[in-house]
Amino acid sequence: MKRVIVEYAKLTKDILDMLIDKYPDGYDYSDVISFKNAKGDTVKAVEVKTEDTVYLVKISDRLENAMEEYAEDEEFFDDNDDFDANDLEDED
């Protein structure tokens, strides 16, 4: 299964939809996964899956705010210039 690490600024609408579906009331400490990246830094993320891909979405205050805003108003995503759907980082 392909593993993709996604930062807040690189979220796609589909990934944000999966996050909202999986964590409708926000994520909890027990939902957080910690791992070391290729540089040896500890990364904290929440996980969402499709049939062939595991997305590890890095946690930040901006992620929590985006999830709340998007859950209330789906047009938030279209109006937000911080997102770049064409720039995802792959991790094997």
Protein backbone atom coordinates (compact mmCIF):
# COMPACT_ATOMS: atom_id res chain seq x y z
CA MET A 1 0.00 0.00 0.00
CA LYS A 2 1.30 3.45 -0.92
CA ARG A 3 1.99 5.83 2.01
CA VAL A 4 1.76 9.59 1.48
CA ILE A 5 2.66 12.23 4.04
CA VAL A 6 0.57 15.37 3.59
CA GLU A 7 1.12 18.78 5.16
CA TYR A 8 -1.65 21.28 5.80
CA ALA A 9 -0.72 23.44 2.82
CA LYS A 10 -0.90 20.43 0.50
CA LEU A 11 -4.32 19.06 1.45
CA THR A 12 -6.71 18.17 -1.31
CA LYS A 13 -10.47 18.45 -1.04
CA ASP A 14 -10.74 14.62 -1.12
CA ILE A 15 -8.31 14.19 1.78
CA LEU A 16 -10.09 16.89 3.77
CA ASP A 17 -13.41 15.11 3.11
CA MET A 18 -11.92 11.84 4.42
CA LEU A 19 -10.61 13.62 7.54
CA ILE A 20 -14.02 15.15 8.25
CA ASP A 21 -15.74 11.77 7.72
CA LYS A 22 -13.32 9.89 9.97
CA TYR A 23 -13.00 12.58 12.65
CA PRO A 24 -16.30 14.53 12.58
CA ASP A 25 -15.73 15.83 16.12
CA GLY A 26 -11.99 16.33 15.65
CA TYR A 27 -9.23 13.86 16.39
CA ASP A 28 -8.18 12.69 19.83
CA TYR A 29 -4.77 11.92 21.34
CA SER A 30 -5.42 8.22 20.67
CA ASP A 31 -5.83 8.97 16.93
CA VAL A 32 -2.36 10.52 16.64
CA ILE A 33 0.47 8.49 15.09
CA SER A 34 4.11 9.41 15.78
CA PHE A 35 6.93 8.33 13.46
CA LYS A 36 10.38 9.38 12.31
CA ASN A 37 10.70 10.87 8.83
CA ALA A 38 13.66 10.35 6.49
CA LYS A 39 15.51 13.21 8.24
CA GLY A 40 15.10 11.57 11.65
CA ASP A 41 12.58 14.16 12.89
CA THR A 42 9.55 13.01 14.88
CA VAL A 43 6.32 13.68 13.01
CA LYS A 44 2.81 13.52 14.46
CA ALA A 45 -0.05 12.79 12.08
CA VAL A 46 -3.54 11.37 11.75
CA GLU A 47 -4.29 8.61 9.27
CA VAL A 48 -6.93 8.24 6.58
CA LYS A 49 -7.03 5.41 4.03
CA THR A 50 -8.30 4.69 0.57
CA GLU A 51 -8.20 1.27 -1.10
CA ASP A 52 -4.60 1.73 -2.23
CA THR A 53 -3.16 4.62 -0.21
CA VAL A 54 -2.56 5.54 3.43
CA TYR A 55 -2.47 9.30 3.96
CA LEU A 56 -0.63 10.53 7.03
CA VAL A 57 -1.75 14.12 7.55
CA LYS A 58 0.67 16.13 9.68
CA ILE A 59 -0.95 17.72 12.71
CA SER A 60 -0.91 21.47 13.21
CA ASP A 61 -3.17 24.19 14.56
CA ARG A 62 -3.83 25.20 10.96
CA LEU A 63 -5.10 21.65 10.19
CA GLU A 64 -7.56 21.76 13.09
CA ASN A 65 -8.83 25.17 12.00
CA ALA A 66 -9.16 24.04 8.36
CA MET A 67 -11.16 20.96 9.39
CA GLU A 68 -13.52 23.10 11.48
CA GLU A 69 -13.96 25.72 8.75
CA TYR A 70 -14.47 23.11 6.02
CA ALA A 71 -16.98 21.15 8.09
CA GLU A 72 -19.04 24.34 8.43
CA ASP A 73 -18.56 25.67 4.89
CA GLU A 74 -17.29 23.47 2.04
CA GLU A 75 -16.62 26.57 -0.09
CA PHE A 76 -13.84 27.44 2.40
CA PHE A 77 -11.57 25.06 0.49
CA ASP A 78 -12.18 26.75 -2.85
CA ASP A 79 -11.53 30.20 -1.39
CA ASN A 80 -8.34 29.28 0.51
CA ASP A 81 -5.06 29.98 -1.33
CA ASP A 82 -2.99 27.97 1.22
CA PHE A 83 -3.91 24.64 -0.38
CA ASP A 84 -1.86 23.19 -3.25
CA ALA A 85 -3.38 19.89 -4.40
CA ASN A 86 -0.57 19.31 -6.92
CA ASP A 87 2.25 19.09 -4.39
CA LEU A 88 2.08 15.88 -2.30
CA GLU A 89 5.13 14.26 -0.69
CA ASP A 90 5.43 10.46 -1.16
CA GLU A 91 6.95 8.21 1.51
CA ASP A 92 7.51 4.47 0.98
